[in-house]
Amino acid sequence: MAKIHFENEAYSLNEGDSVLDTLLEAGHDIPFSCKEGACQSCLMKLEEGSLPPESQAGLSEVQVKLGYFMSCSCKPSADLKVAQVDAGQLTVESKIITIDQLNDSILRLRLEAVFDFLSGQYISIWIDDNTTRSYSLASVKAVDNFIELHIKVIPDGIFSDKYCRRLNIGDKLKIQGPIGKCIYATNNKSQALLLAGIGTGLAPLYGILRDALHQGHEGPIHLIVGAKQASNFYLVEELNQIAAKNSQVKVTFIAQENNNQSACETGDLYQYVAEQYPSTKDMRVYLCGAKTFIKKLRKQCFLAGADRDCIHMDVFLPG
């Protein structure tokens, strides 16, 4: 049985448990958020031993060289000696430029661009020393020169409600990142792009769409946004203006319920995609939203012909 050596103590690792699980069970206060190997808020540093590769998946070359790893994804078969990473070494401060409402439940936050990023990546915001929330980037660095986040306000949400309500222009936030590979990434400017998302899954897609156009993409781009009700949509006018100015762009809003007779489709997003794209062969697909949504539509697009390497995903985790 492998042991975790941490702060002059040794803890036996139960079968199937991660380093994070083990240290939390032992009573240590280790920062974490998603427990899915995505947000990187549980980063720790290796001092002795050998890490399983999956514990460093998605980390930068510099982070790997420094011995950083995601403790939630680390399930070693041999002893490890590990140490906590000072959050101050991972974060930078960014000042709030603007705060505004995009609809009744979506808040747009724009921050200073204090590091380079690619549209579709995501960052983590540290609320305190142990709590983070991750949000995808809707901005295009070369065009906007700011970090734009679309935040769904959840009643009593630790960040979106209780914390965001107290923020003001000029306040500084501690942010970490950027992370993620759901970005515009094709050398074939004529390749057809299918972008599909639900809720604030629109945020990274909004950035990816504009980044593709900024880089001179010539092939057809179809953005499909789904929601339960038509009133949940946002940035409708902006997206329709983009489509009007760029003949290769098509934007479709699909609501399960359309009580206010908004100019959108009414129906099922999966069925719509299946009807519009019985074949996704040679297409590049971007899927953003909840895990169940992505899992189902990813399978659908793959079975319709899309290459695995051409399906990019940004999974939104609860909380």
C-alpha atoms as a PDB file:
ATOM      1  CA  MET A   1       0.000   0.000   0.000  1.00  0.00           C
ATOM      2  CA  ALA A   2       1.451   3.348  -1.060  1.00  0.00           C
ATOM      3  CA  LYS A   3       2.045   6.049   1.521  1.00  0.00           C
ATOM      4  CA  ILE A   4       1.840   9.817   1.244  1.00  0.00           C
ATOM      5  CA  HIS A   5       4.504  11.705   3.196  1.00  0.00           C
ATOM      6  CA  PHE A   6       3.308  15.208   4.019  1.00  0.00           C
ATOM      7  CA  GLU A   7       4.450  17.634   6.721  1.00  0.00           C
ATOM      8  CA  ASN A   8       6.522  15.005   8.558  1.00  0.00           C
ATOM      9  CA  GLU A   9       3.643  12.527   8.675  1.00  0.00           C
ATOM     10  CA  ALA A  10       2.907   9.414   6.600  1.00  0.00           C
ATOM     11  CA  TYR A  11      -0.581   8.400   5.500  1.00  0.00           C
ATOM     12  CA  SER A  12      -1.590   5.119   3.884  1.00  0.00           C
ATOM     13  CA  LEU A  13      -3.413   5.508   0.603  1.00  0.00           C
ATOM     14  CA  ASN A  14      -6.609   3.471   0.415  1.00  0.00           C
ATOM     15  CA  GLU A  15      -7.361   1.711  -2.858  1.00  0.00           C
ATOM     16  CA  GLY A  16      -8.948   4.105  -5.338  1.00  0.00           C
ATOM     17  CA  ASP A  17      -8.234   7.201  -3.240  1.00  0.00           C
ATOM     18  CA  SER A  18      -6.256  10.169  -4.488  1.00  0.00           C
ATOM     19  CA  VAL A  19      -3.600  12.165  -2.695  1.00  0.00           C
ATOM     20  CA  LEU A  20      -6.239  14.835  -2.112  1.00  0.00           C
ATOM     21  CA  ASP A  21      -8.717  12.326  -0.643  1.00  0.00           C
ATOM     22  CA  THR A  22      -6.069  10.951   1.698  1.00  0.00           C
ATOM     23  CA  LEU A  23      -4.892  14.304   3.027  1.00  0.00           C
ATOM     24  CA  LEU A  24      -8.419  15.666   3.445  1.00  0.00           C
ATOM     25  CA  GLU A  25      -9.404  12.541   5.378  1.00  0.00           C
ATOM     26  CA  ALA A  26      -6.354  13.078   7.590  1.00  0.00           C
ATOM     27  CA  GLY A  27      -7.667  16.520   8.464  1.00  0.00           C
ATOM     28  CA  HIS A  28      -5.394  18.698   6.340  1.00  0.00           C
ATOM     29  CA  ASP A  29      -6.812  21.871   4.823  1.00  0.00           C
ATOM     30  CA  ILE A  30      -5.950  21.352   1.131  1.00  0.00           C
ATOM     31  CA  PRO A  31      -7.549  23.802  -1.350  1.00  0.00           C
ATOM     32  CA  PHE A  32      -9.758  22.157  -3.984  1.00  0.00           C
ATOM     33  CA  SER A  33     -12.802  22.858  -6.091  1.00  0.00           C
ATOM     34  CA  CYS A  34     -13.840  20.582  -8.968  1.00  0.00           C
ATOM     35  CA  LYS A  35     -12.106  17.291  -8.006  1.00  0.00           C
ATOM     36  CA  GLU A  36     -12.139  16.562 -11.743  1.00  0.00           C
ATOM     37  CA  GLY A  37      -8.565  17.514 -12.702  1.00  0.00           C
ATOM     38  CA  ALA A  38      -9.787  20.682 -14.391  1.00  0.00           C
ATOM     39  CA  CYS A  39      -9.552  23.778 -12.201  1.00  0.00           C
ATOM     40  CA  GLN A  40      -6.033  23.116 -10.825  1.00  0.00           C
ATOM     41  CA  SER A  41      -6.922  24.632  -7.454  1.00  0.00           C
ATOM     42  CA  CYS A  42      -5.614  21.478  -5.713  1.00  0.00           C
ATOM     43  CA  LEU A  43      -2.097  21.759  -7.150  1.00  0.00           C
ATOM     44  CA  MET A  44       0.665  20.331  -4.962  1.00  0.00           C
ATOM     45  CA  LYS A  45       4.393  19.822  -5.450  1.00  0.00           C
ATOM     46  CA  LEU A  46       6.298  16.556  -5.633  1.00  0.00           C
ATOM     47  CA  GLU A  47       9.403  16.335  -3.422  1.00  0.00           C
ATOM     48  CA  GLU A  48      10.217  12.636  -3.755  1.00  0.00           C
ATOM     49  CA  GLY A  49       8.812   9.785  -5.849  1.00  0.00           C
ATOM     50  CA  SER A  50       7.296   9.309  -9.278  1.00  0.00           C
ATOM     51  CA  LEU A  51       3.960  10.779 -10.392  1.00  0.00           C
ATOM     52  CA  PRO A  52       1.326   9.010 -12.504  1.00  0.00           C
ATOM     53  CA  PRO A  53       1.110  10.901 -15.849  1.00  0.00           C
ATOM     54  CA  GLU A  54      -2.588  11.720 -15.492  1.00  0.00           C
ATOM     55  CA  SER A  55      -1.842  13.858 -12.431  1.00  0.00           C
ATOM     56  CA  GLN A  56       0.013  16.348 -14.658  1.00  0.00           C
ATOM     57  CA  ALA A  57      -2.266  16.200 -17.702  1.00  0.00           C
ATOM     58  CA  GLY A  58      -2.992  19.689 -18.997  1.00  0.00           C
ATOM     59  CA  LEU A  59      -0.304  21.418 -16.942  1.00  0.00           C
ATOM     60  CA  SER A  60       2.156  23.766 -18.590  1.00  0.00           C
ATOM     61  CA  GLU A  61       5.719  22.720 -19.340  1.00  0.00           C
ATOM     62  CA  VAL A  62       6.942  25.012 -16.567  1.00  0.00           C
ATOM     63  CA  GLN A  63       4.510  23.541 -14.030  1.00  0.00           C
ATOM     64  CA  VAL A  64       5.613  20.001 -14.923  1.00  0.00           C
ATOM     65  CA  LYS A  65       9.280  20.923 -14.542  1.00  0.00           C
ATOM     66  CA  LEU A  66       8.541  22.422 -11.137  1.00  0.00           C
ATOM     67  CA  GLY A  67       6.991  19.121 -10.057  1.00  0.00           C
ATOM     68  CA  TYR A  68       3.462  20.457  -9.737  1.00  0.00           C
ATOM     69  CA  PHE A  69       0.610  17.960  -9.972  1.00  0.00           C
ATOM     70  CA  MET A  70      -3.136  17.827  -9.397  1.00  0.00           C
ATOM     71  CA  SER A  71      -3.661  16.032  -6.124  1.00  0.00           C
ATOM     72  CA  CYS A  72      -7.260  15.086  -7.028  1.00  0.00           C
ATOM     73  CA  SER A  73      -5.998  13.130 -10.059  1.00  0.00           C
ATOM     74  CA  CYS A  74      -2.979  11.579  -8.373  1.00  0.00           C
ATOM     75  CA  LYS A  75      -3.474   7.930  -7.386  1.00  0.00           C
ATOM     76  CA  PRO A  76       0.094   6.632  -7.039  1.00  0.00           C
ATOM     77  CA  SER A  77       1.128   3.005  -6.742  1.00  0.00           C
ATOM     78  CA  ALA A  78       4.297   3.857  -4.786  1.00  0.00           C
ATOM     79  CA  ASP A  79       5.234   6.198  -1.941  1.00  0.00           C
ATOM     80  CA  LEU A  80       5.309   9.949  -2.551  1.00  0.00           C
ATOM     81  CA  LYS A  81       6.596  12.868  -0.559  1.00  0.00           C
ATOM     82  CA  VAL A  82       4.565  15.960  -1.349  1.00  0.00           C
ATOM     83  CA  ALA A  83       4.241  19.571  -0.264  1.00  0.00           C
ATOM     84  CA  GLN A  84       1.618  22.253  -0.538  1.00  0.00           C
ATOM     85  CA  VAL A  85       2.044  25.070  -3.043  1.00  0.00           C
ATOM     86  CA  ASP A  86       1.632  28.636  -1.863  1.00  0.00           C
ATOM     87  CA  ALA A  87      -1.373  30.020  -3.744  1.00  0.00           C
ATOM     88  CA  GLY A  88       0.531  33.281  -4.069  1.00  0.00           C
ATOM     89  CA  GLN A  89       2.988  31.534  -6.396  1.00  0.00           C
ATOM     90  CA  LEU A  90       0.151  30.533  -8.739  1.00  0.00           C
ATOM     91  CA  THR A  91      -2.027  33.636  -8.815  1.00  0.00           C
ATOM     92  CA  VAL A  92      -1.843  37.175 -10.146  1.00  0.00           C
ATOM     93  CA  GLU A  93      -4.037  40.147  -9.410  1.00  0.00           C
ATOM     94  CA  SER A  94      -6.329  41.600 -12.042  1.00  0.00           C
ATOM     95  CA  LYS A  95      -8.444  44.743 -11.721  1.00  0.00           C
ATOM     96  CA  ILE A  96     -12.141  44.790 -12.614  1.00  0.00           C
ATOM     97  CA  ILE A  97     -12.806  47.053 -15.600  1.00  0.00           C
ATOM     98  CA  THR A  98     -16.585  46.676 -15.989  1.00  0.00           C
ATOM     99  CA  ILE A  99     -19.493  44.763 -14.441  1.00  0.00           C
ATOM    100  CA  ASP A 100     -22.855  44.527 -16.195  1.00  0.00           C
ATOM    101  CA  GLN A 101     -25.876  42.260 -16.601  1.00  0.00           C
ATOM    102  CA  LEU A 102     -26.356  40.399 -19.898  1.00  0.00           C
ATOM    103  CA  ASN A 103     -29.766  39.114 -18.817  1.00  0.00           C
ATOM    104  CA  ASP A 104     -31.613  38.465 -15.561  1.00  0.00           C
ATOM    105  CA  SER A 105     -29.199  35.723 -14.496  1.00  0.00           C
ATOM    106  CA  ILE A 106     -25.938  36.296 -16.415  1.00  0.00           C
ATOM    107  CA  LEU A 107     -23.303  38.719 -15.184  1.00  0.00           C
ATOM    108  CA  ARG A 108     -20.487  39.932 -17.445  1.00  0.00           C
ATOM    109  CA  LEU A 109     -17.197  40.630 -15.710  1.00  0.00           C
ATOM    110  CA  ARG A 110     -14.292  42.243 -17.563  1.00  0.00           C
ATOM    111  CA  LEU A 111     -10.824  42.236 -16.029  1.00  0.00           C
ATOM    112  CA  GLU A 112      -7.441  43.586 -17.016  1.00  0.00           C
ATOM    113  CA  ALA A 113      -5.565  41.190 -19.319  1.00  0.00           C
ATOM    114  CA  VAL A 114      -2.615  40.540 -17.020  1.00  0.00           C
ATOM    115  CA  PHE A 115      -1.371  37.513 -18.981  1.00  0.00           C
ATOM    116  CA  ASP A 116      -1.586  36.058 -22.483  1.00  0.00           C
ATOM    117  CA  PHE A 117      -4.521  33.765 -23.180  1.00  0.00           C
ATOM    118  CA  LEU A 118      -6.416  32.066 -25.968  1.00  0.00           C
ATOM    119  CA  SER A 119     -10.158  32.388 -26.481  1.00  0.00           C
ATOM    120  CA  GLY A 120     -11.939  29.348 -25.037  1.00  0.00           C
ATOM    121  CA  GLN A 121      -9.449  28.743 -22.238  1.00  0.00           C
ATOM    122  CA  TYR A 122     -10.542  29.253 -18.633  1.00  0.00           C
ATOM    123  CA  ILE A 123      -9.224  30.794 -15.441  1.00  0.00           C
ATOM    124  CA  SER A 124      -9.826  30.214 -11.742  1.00  0.00           C
ATOM    125  CA  ILE A 125     -10.760  33.026  -9.388  1.00  0.00           C
ATOM    126  CA  TRP A 126      -9.636  32.638  -5.777  1.00  0.00           C
ATOM    127  CA  ILE A 127     -12.341  33.759  -3.390  1.00  0.00           C
ATOM    128  CA  ASP A 128     -10.164  33.002  -0.350  1.00  0.00           C
ATOM    129  CA  ASP A 129      -7.143  30.809   0.373  1.00  0.00           C
ATOM    130  CA  ASN A 130      -9.152  27.612  -0.040  1.00  0.00           C
ATOM    131  CA  THR A 131     -12.005  28.407  -2.437  1.00  0.00           C
ATOM    132  CA  THR A 132     -11.935  28.914  -6.205  1.00  0.00           C
ATOM    133  CA  ARG A 133     -14.385  29.065  -9.072  1.00  0.00           C
ATOM    134  CA  SER A 134     -13.475  28.532 -12.734  1.00  0.00           C
ATOM    135  CA  TYR A 135     -14.844  30.518 -15.686  1.00  0.00           C
ATOM    136  CA  SER A 136     -14.224  30.314 -19.435  1.00  0.00           C
ATOM    137  CA  LEU A 137     -12.832  33.212 -21.433  1.00  0.00           C
ATOM    138  CA  ALA A 138     -15.172  34.938 -23.876  1.00  0.00           C
ATOM    139  CA  SER A 139     -12.652  37.545 -25.014  1.00  0.00           C
ATOM    140  CA  VAL A 140     -10.151  37.666 -27.900  1.00  0.00           C
ATOM    141  CA  LYS A 141      -6.787  38.950 -26.675  1.00  0.00           C
ATOM    142  CA  ALA A 142      -5.759  40.575 -29.965  1.00  0.00           C
ATOM    143  CA  VAL A 143      -9.092  42.386 -30.277  1.00  0.00           C
ATOM    144  CA  ASP A 144     -10.345  43.061 -26.755  1.00  0.00           C
ATOM    145  CA  ASN A 145      -7.210  43.197 -24.612  1.00  0.00           C
ATOM    146  CA  PHE A 146      -9.280  42.317 -21.546  1.00  0.00           C
ATOM    147  CA  ILE A 147     -10.505  39.146 -19.858  1.00  0.00           C
ATOM    148  CA  GLU A 148     -14.257  38.654 -20.261  1.00  0.00           C
ATOM    149  CA  LEU A 149     -16.201  36.191 -18.134  1.00  0.00           C
ATOM    150  CA  HIS A 150     -19.903  35.296 -18.271  1.00  0.00           C
ATOM    151  CA  ILE A 151     -21.084  34.288 -14.815  1.00  0.00           C
ATOM    152  CA  LYS A 152     -24.401  32.599 -14.144  1.00  0.00           C
ATOM    153  CA  VAL A 153     -25.744  33.979 -10.895  1.00  0.00           C
ATOM    154  CA  ILE A 154     -26.887  31.106  -8.717  1.00  0.00           C
ATOM    155  CA  PRO A 155     -29.011  32.056  -5.670  1.00  0.00           C
ATOM    156  CA  ASP A 156     -26.774  31.848  -2.593  1.00  0.00           C
ATOM    157  CA  GLY A 157     -23.832  30.849  -4.820  1.00  0.00           C
ATOM    158  CA  ILE A 158     -20.556  31.413  -2.946  1.00  0.00           C
ATOM    159  CA  PHE A 159     -19.036  33.423  -5.781  1.00  0.00           C
ATOM    160  CA  SER A 160     -21.749  34.324  -8.272  1.00  0.00           C
ATOM    161  CA  ASP A 161     -24.181  35.688  -5.698  1.00  0.00           C
ATOM    162  CA  LYS A 162     -22.655  36.335  -2.283  1.00  0.00           C
ATOM    163  CA  TYR A 163     -19.247  37.465  -3.559  1.00  0.00           C
ATOM    164  CA  CYS A 164     -20.027  39.066  -6.923  1.00  0.00           C
ATOM    165  CA  ARG A 165     -22.754  41.270  -5.475  1.00  0.00           C
ATOM    166  CA  ARG A 166     -20.102  43.064  -3.409  1.00  0.00           C
ATOM    167  CA  LEU A 167     -17.668  43.688  -6.278  1.00  0.00           C
ATOM    168  CA  ASN A 168     -17.045  47.127  -7.735  1.00  0.00           C
ATOM    169  CA  ILE A 169     -15.135  48.513 -10.701  1.00  0.00           C
ATOM    170  CA  GLY A 170     -11.502  48.901  -9.670  1.00  0.00           C
ATOM    171  CA  ASP A 171     -11.532  45.966  -7.226  1.00  0.00           C
ATOM    172  CA  LYS A 172      -8.763  43.420  -7.698  1.00  0.00           C
ATOM    173  CA  LEU A 173      -9.265  39.670  -7.961  1.00  0.00           C
ATOM    174  CA  LYS A 174      -6.707  36.910  -7.572  1.00  0.00           C
ATOM    175  CA  ILE A 175      -6.804  34.762 -10.687  1.00  0.00           C
ATOM    176  CA  GLN A 176      -4.960  31.654 -11.830  1.00  0.00           C
ATOM    177  CA  GLY A 177      -4.478  30.343 -15.350  1.00  0.00           C
ATOM    178  CA  PRO A 178      -5.149  30.313 -18.201  1.00  0.00           C
ATOM    179  CA  ILE A 179      -5.899  26.618 -18.677  1.00  0.00           C
ATOM    180  CA  GLY A 180      -7.555  24.509 -21.357  1.00  0.00           C
ATOM    181  CA  LYS A 181      -7.293  23.419 -24.977  1.00  0.00           C
ATOM    182  CA  CYS A 182     -10.802  24.183 -26.255  1.00  0.00           C
ATOM    183  CA  ILE A 183      -9.451  26.818 -28.637  1.00  0.00           C
ATOM    184  CA  TYR A 184      -9.576  27.697 -32.325  1.00  0.00           C
ATOM    185  CA  ALA A 185      -6.954  25.306 -33.620  1.00  0.00           C
ATOM    186  CA  THR A 186      -6.941  24.495 -37.315  1.00  0.00           C
ATOM    187  CA  ASN A 187      -4.565  25.193 -40.171  1.00  0.00           C
ATOM    188  CA  ASN A 188      -7.404  24.607 -42.626  1.00  0.00           C
ATOM    189  CA  LYS A 189      -9.160  27.956 -42.957  1.00  0.00           C
ATOM    190  CA  SER A 190     -11.884  26.390 -45.112  1.00  0.00           C
ATOM    191  CA  GLN A 191     -12.831  23.657 -42.619  1.00  0.00           C
ATOM    192  CA  ALA A 192     -16.445  23.707 -41.432  1.00  0.00           C
ATOM    193  CA  LEU A 193     -16.821  24.551 -37.742  1.00  0.00           C
ATOM    194  CA  LEU A 194     -19.727  23.463 -35.558  1.00  0.00           C
ATOM    195  CA  LEU A 195     -20.010  25.293 -32.220  1.00  0.00           C
ATOM    196  CA  ALA A 196     -22.693  24.128 -29.794  1.00  0.00           C
ATOM    197  CA  GLY A 197     -23.336  25.095 -26.199  1.00  0.00           C
ATOM    198  CA  ILE A 198     -25.962  25.579 -23.526  1.00  0.00           C
ATOM    199  CA  GLY A 199     -26.238  28.338 -20.938  1.00  0.00           C
ATOM    200  CA  THR A 200     -22.940  30.108 -20.296  1.00  0.00           C
ATOM    201  CA  GLY A 201     -21.360  27.480 -22.526  1.00  0.00           C
ATOM    202  CA  LEU A 202     -21.826  30.350 -24.963  1.00  0.00           C
ATOM    203  CA  ALA A 203     -18.932  32.227 -23.297  1.00  0.00           C
ATOM    204  CA  PRO A 204     -16.011  30.235 -24.748  1.00  0.00           C
ATOM    205  CA  LEU A 205     -17.872  29.748 -28.043  1.00  0.00           C
ATOM    206  CA  TYR A 206     -18.363  33.511 -28.360  1.00  0.00           C
ATOM    207  CA  GLY A 207     -14.609  33.924 -27.991  1.00  0.00           C
ATOM    208  CA  ILE A 208     -13.744  31.055 -30.332  1.00  0.00           C
ATOM    209  CA  LEU A 209     -16.121  32.348 -33.027  1.00  0.00           C
ATOM    210  CA  ARG A 210     -14.634  35.840 -32.970  1.00  0.00           C
ATOM    211  CA  ASP A 211     -11.081  34.487 -32.779  1.00  0.00           C
ATOM    212  CA  ALA A 212     -11.681  32.306 -35.850  1.00  0.00           C
ATOM    213  CA  LEU A 213     -12.970  35.317 -37.788  1.00  0.00           C
ATOM    214  CA  HIS A 214     -10.085  37.475 -36.586  1.00  0.00           C
ATOM    215  CA  GLN A 215      -7.650  34.837 -37.870  1.00  0.00           C
ATOM    216  CA  GLY A 216      -9.337  34.837 -41.275  1.00  0.00           C
ATOM    217  CA  HIS A 217     -11.362  31.626 -41.150  1.00  0.00           C
ATOM    218  CA  GLU A 218     -13.216  31.257 -44.461  1.00  0.00           C
ATOM    219  CA  GLY A 219     -15.151  28.022 -44.014  1.00  0.00           C
ATOM    220  CA  PRO A 220     -18.738  27.817 -42.722  1.00  0.00           C
ATOM    221  CA  ILE A 221     -19.215  28.388 -38.993  1.00  0.00           C
ATOM    222  CA  HIS A 222     -22.466  27.380 -37.332  1.00  0.00           C
ATOM    223  CA  LEU A 223     -23.024  28.461 -33.727  1.00  0.00           C
ATOM    224  CA  ILE A 224     -25.920  26.686 -32.011  1.00  0.00           C
ATOM    225  CA  VAL A 225     -26.994  27.886 -28.560  1.00  0.00           C
ATOM    226  CA  GLY A 226     -29.509  25.952 -26.479  1.00  0.00           C
ATOM    227  CA  ALA A 227     -31.573  26.897 -23.431  1.00  0.00           C
ATOM    228  CA  LYS A 228     -34.658  25.741 -21.596  1.00  0.00           C
ATOM    229  CA  GLN A 229     -36.475  29.036 -22.182  1.00  0.00           C
ATOM    230  CA  ALA A 230     -35.979  31.751 -24.781  1.00  0.00           C
ATOM    231  CA  SER A 231     -35.562  34.321 -22.002  1.00  0.00           C
ATOM    232  CA  ASN A 232     -32.318  32.568 -20.972  1.00  0.00           C
ATOM    233  CA  PHE A 233     -30.478  33.653 -24.130  1.00  0.00           C
ATOM    234  CA  TYR A 234     -28.048  36.562 -24.108  1.00  0.00           C
ATOM    235  CA  LEU A 235     -25.789  38.412 -26.589  1.00  0.00           C
ATOM    236  CA  VAL A 236     -28.468  37.695 -29.204  1.00  0.00           C
ATOM    237  CA  GLU A 237     -28.174  41.056 -30.965  1.00  0.00           C
ATOM    238  CA  GLU A 238     -24.363  40.943 -30.980  1.00  0.00           C
ATOM    239  CA  LEU A 239     -24.273  37.448 -32.443  1.00  0.00           C
ATOM    240  CA  ASN A 240     -26.865  38.252 -35.097  1.00  0.00           C
ATOM    241  CA  GLN A 241     -24.780  41.278 -36.088  1.00  0.00           C
ATOM    242  CA  ILE A 242     -21.703  39.056 -36.448  1.00  0.00           C
ATOM    243  CA  ALA A 243     -23.681  36.695 -38.685  1.00  0.00           C
ATOM    244  CA  ALA A 244     -24.985  39.615 -40.769  1.00  0.00           C
ATOM    245  CA  LYS A 245     -21.457  40.909 -41.366  1.00  0.00           C
ATOM    246  CA  ASN A 246     -19.907  37.508 -42.110  1.00  0.00           C
ATOM    247  CA  SER A 247     -21.643  35.407 -44.754  1.00  0.00           C
ATOM    248  CA  GLN A 248     -19.997  32.165 -43.607  1.00  0.00           C
ATOM    249  CA  VAL A 249     -21.472  32.493 -40.097  1.00  0.00           C
ATOM    250  CA  LYS A 250     -24.854  31.105 -39.069  1.00  0.00           C
ATOM    251  CA  VAL A 251     -26.246  31.544 -35.556  1.00  0.00           C
ATOM    252  CA  THR A 252     -29.161  29.472 -34.249  1.00  0.00           C
ATOM    253  CA  PHE A 253     -30.881  29.755 -30.874  1.00  0.00           C
ATOM    254  CA  ILE A 254     -32.938  26.740 -29.798  1.00  0.00           C
ATOM    255  CA  ALA A 255     -35.226  26.849 -26.755  1.00  0.00           C
ATOM    256  CA  GLN A 256     -37.218  23.974 -25.304  1.00  0.00           C
ATOM    257  CA  GLU A 257     -39.887  26.540 -24.382  1.00  0.00           C
ATOM    258  CA  ASN A 258     -40.552  29.730 -26.342  1.00  0.00           C
ATOM    259  CA  ASN A 259     -43.428  31.408 -24.525  1.00  0.00           C
ATOM    260  CA  ASN A 260     -42.450  34.954 -25.440  1.00  0.00           C
ATOM    261  CA  GLN A 261     -42.348  34.230 -29.176  1.00  0.00           C
ATOM    262  CA  SER A 262     -38.687  35.210 -29.382  1.00  0.00           C
ATOM    263  CA  ALA A 263     -36.954  34.862 -32.740  1.00  0.00           C
ATOM    264  CA  CYS A 264     -35.473  31.445 -32.072  1.00  0.00           C
ATOM    265  CA  GLU A 265     -36.122  27.822 -32.885  1.00  0.00           C
ATOM    266  CA  THR A 266     -38.288  25.761 -30.550  1.00  0.00           C
ATOM    267  CA  GLY A 267     -37.322  22.152 -30.053  1.00  0.00           C
ATOM    268  CA  ASP A 268     -34.548  19.766 -29.107  1.00  0.00           C
ATOM    269  CA  LEU A 269     -30.927  20.779 -29.737  1.00  0.00           C
ATOM    270  CA  TYR A 270     -29.719  17.196 -30.245  1.00  0.00           C
ATOM    271  CA  GLN A 271     -32.415  16.503 -32.811  1.00  0.00           C
ATOM    272  CA  TYR A 272     -31.669  19.792 -34.577  1.00  0.00           C
ATOM    273  CA  VAL A 273     -27.960  18.938 -34.855  1.00  0.00           C
ATOM    274  CA  ALA A 274     -28.800  15.446 -36.118  1.00  0.00           C
ATOM    275  CA  GLU A 275     -31.103  16.866 -38.792  1.00  0.00           C
ATOM    276  CA  GLN A 276     -28.739  19.610 -39.873  1.00  0.00           C
ATOM    277  CA  TYR A 277     -25.593  17.452 -39.736  1.00  0.00           C
ATOM    278  CA  PRO A 278     -26.305  13.796 -40.476  1.00  0.00           C
ATOM    279  CA  SER A 279     -22.585  13.712 -41.303  1.00  0.00           C
ATOM    280  CA  THR A 280     -19.944  15.592 -39.301  1.00  0.00           C
ATOM    281  CA  LYS A 281     -17.059  14.071 -41.252  1.00  0.00           C
ATOM    282  CA  ASP A 282     -14.194  16.538 -41.820  1.00  0.00           C
ATOM    283  CA  MET A 283     -15.784  19.063 -39.447  1.00  0.00           C
ATOM    284  CA  ARG A 284     -14.199  20.589 -36.362  1.00  0.00           C
ATOM    285  CA  VAL A 285     -16.615  20.530 -33.439  1.00  0.00           C
ATOM    286  CA  TYR A 286     -16.650  22.633 -30.251  1.00  0.00           C
ATOM    287  CA  LEU A 287     -18.945  21.633 -27.385  1.00  0.00           C
ATOM    288  CA  CYS A 288     -19.340  23.704 -24.212  1.00  0.00           C
ATOM    289  CA  GLY A 289     -21.645  23.223 -21.249  1.00  0.00           C
ATOM    290  CA  ALA A 290     -22.663  20.676 -18.646  1.00  0.00           C
ATOM    291  CA  LYS A 291     -21.027  17.256 -18.608  1.00  0.00           C
ATOM    292  CA  THR A 292     -24.227  15.388 -19.556  1.00  0.00           C
ATOM    293  CA  PHE A 293     -24.779  17.695 -22.541  1.00  0.00           C
ATOM    294  CA  ILE A 294     -21.237  17.298 -23.806  1.00  0.00           C
ATOM    295  CA  LYS A 295     -21.172  13.543 -23.301  1.00  0.00           C
ATOM    296  CA  LYS A 296     -24.342  13.040 -25.348  1.00  0.00           C
ATOM    297  CA  LEU A 297     -23.551  15.455 -28.175  1.00  0.00           C
ATOM    298  CA  ARG A 298     -19.921  14.349 -28.385  1.00  0.00           C
ATOM    299  CA  LYS A 299     -21.054  10.761 -28.959  1.00  0.00           C
ATOM    300  CA  GLN A 300     -23.611  11.929 -31.508  1.00  0.00           C
ATOM    301  CA  CYS A 301     -21.033  13.959 -33.473  1.00  0.00           C
ATOM    302  CA  PHE A 302     -18.456  11.172 -33.316  1.00  0.00           C
ATOM    303  CA  LEU A 303     -20.915   8.567 -34.601  1.00  0.00           C
ATOM    304  CA  ALA A 304     -21.855  11.000 -37.375  1.00  0.00           C
ATOM    305  CA  GLY A 305     -18.241  10.990 -38.563  1.00  0.00           C
ATOM    306  CA  ALA A 306     -16.264  13.632 -36.654  1.00  0.00           C
ATOM    307  CA  ASP A 307     -12.692  12.634 -35.843  1.00  0.00           C
ATOM    308  CA  ARG A 308     -11.994  12.343 -32.097  1.00  0.00           C
ATOM    309  CA  ASP A 309      -9.111  14.800 -32.393  1.00  0.00           C
ATOM    310  CA  CYS A 310     -11.426  17.338 -34.020  1.00  0.00           C
ATOM    311  CA  ILE A 311     -13.934  17.408 -31.152  1.00  0.00           C
ATOM    312  CA  HIS A 312     -12.985  20.046 -28.596  1.00  0.00           C
ATOM    313  CA  MET A 313     -14.803  20.238 -25.262  1.00  0.00           C
ATOM    314  CA  ASP A 314     -15.152  22.638 -22.345  1.00  0.00           C
ATOM    315  CA  VAL A 315     -16.964  20.790 -19.577  1.00  0.00           C
ATOM    316  CA  PHE A 316     -18.701  23.009 -17.023  1.00  0.00           C
ATOM    317  CA  LEU A 317     -18.668  21.448 -13.591  1.00  0.00           C
ATOM    318  CA  PRO A 318     -21.341  22.072 -10.930  1.00  0.00           C
ATOM    319  CA  GLY A 319     -20.629  24.591  -8.191  1.00  0.00           C
END
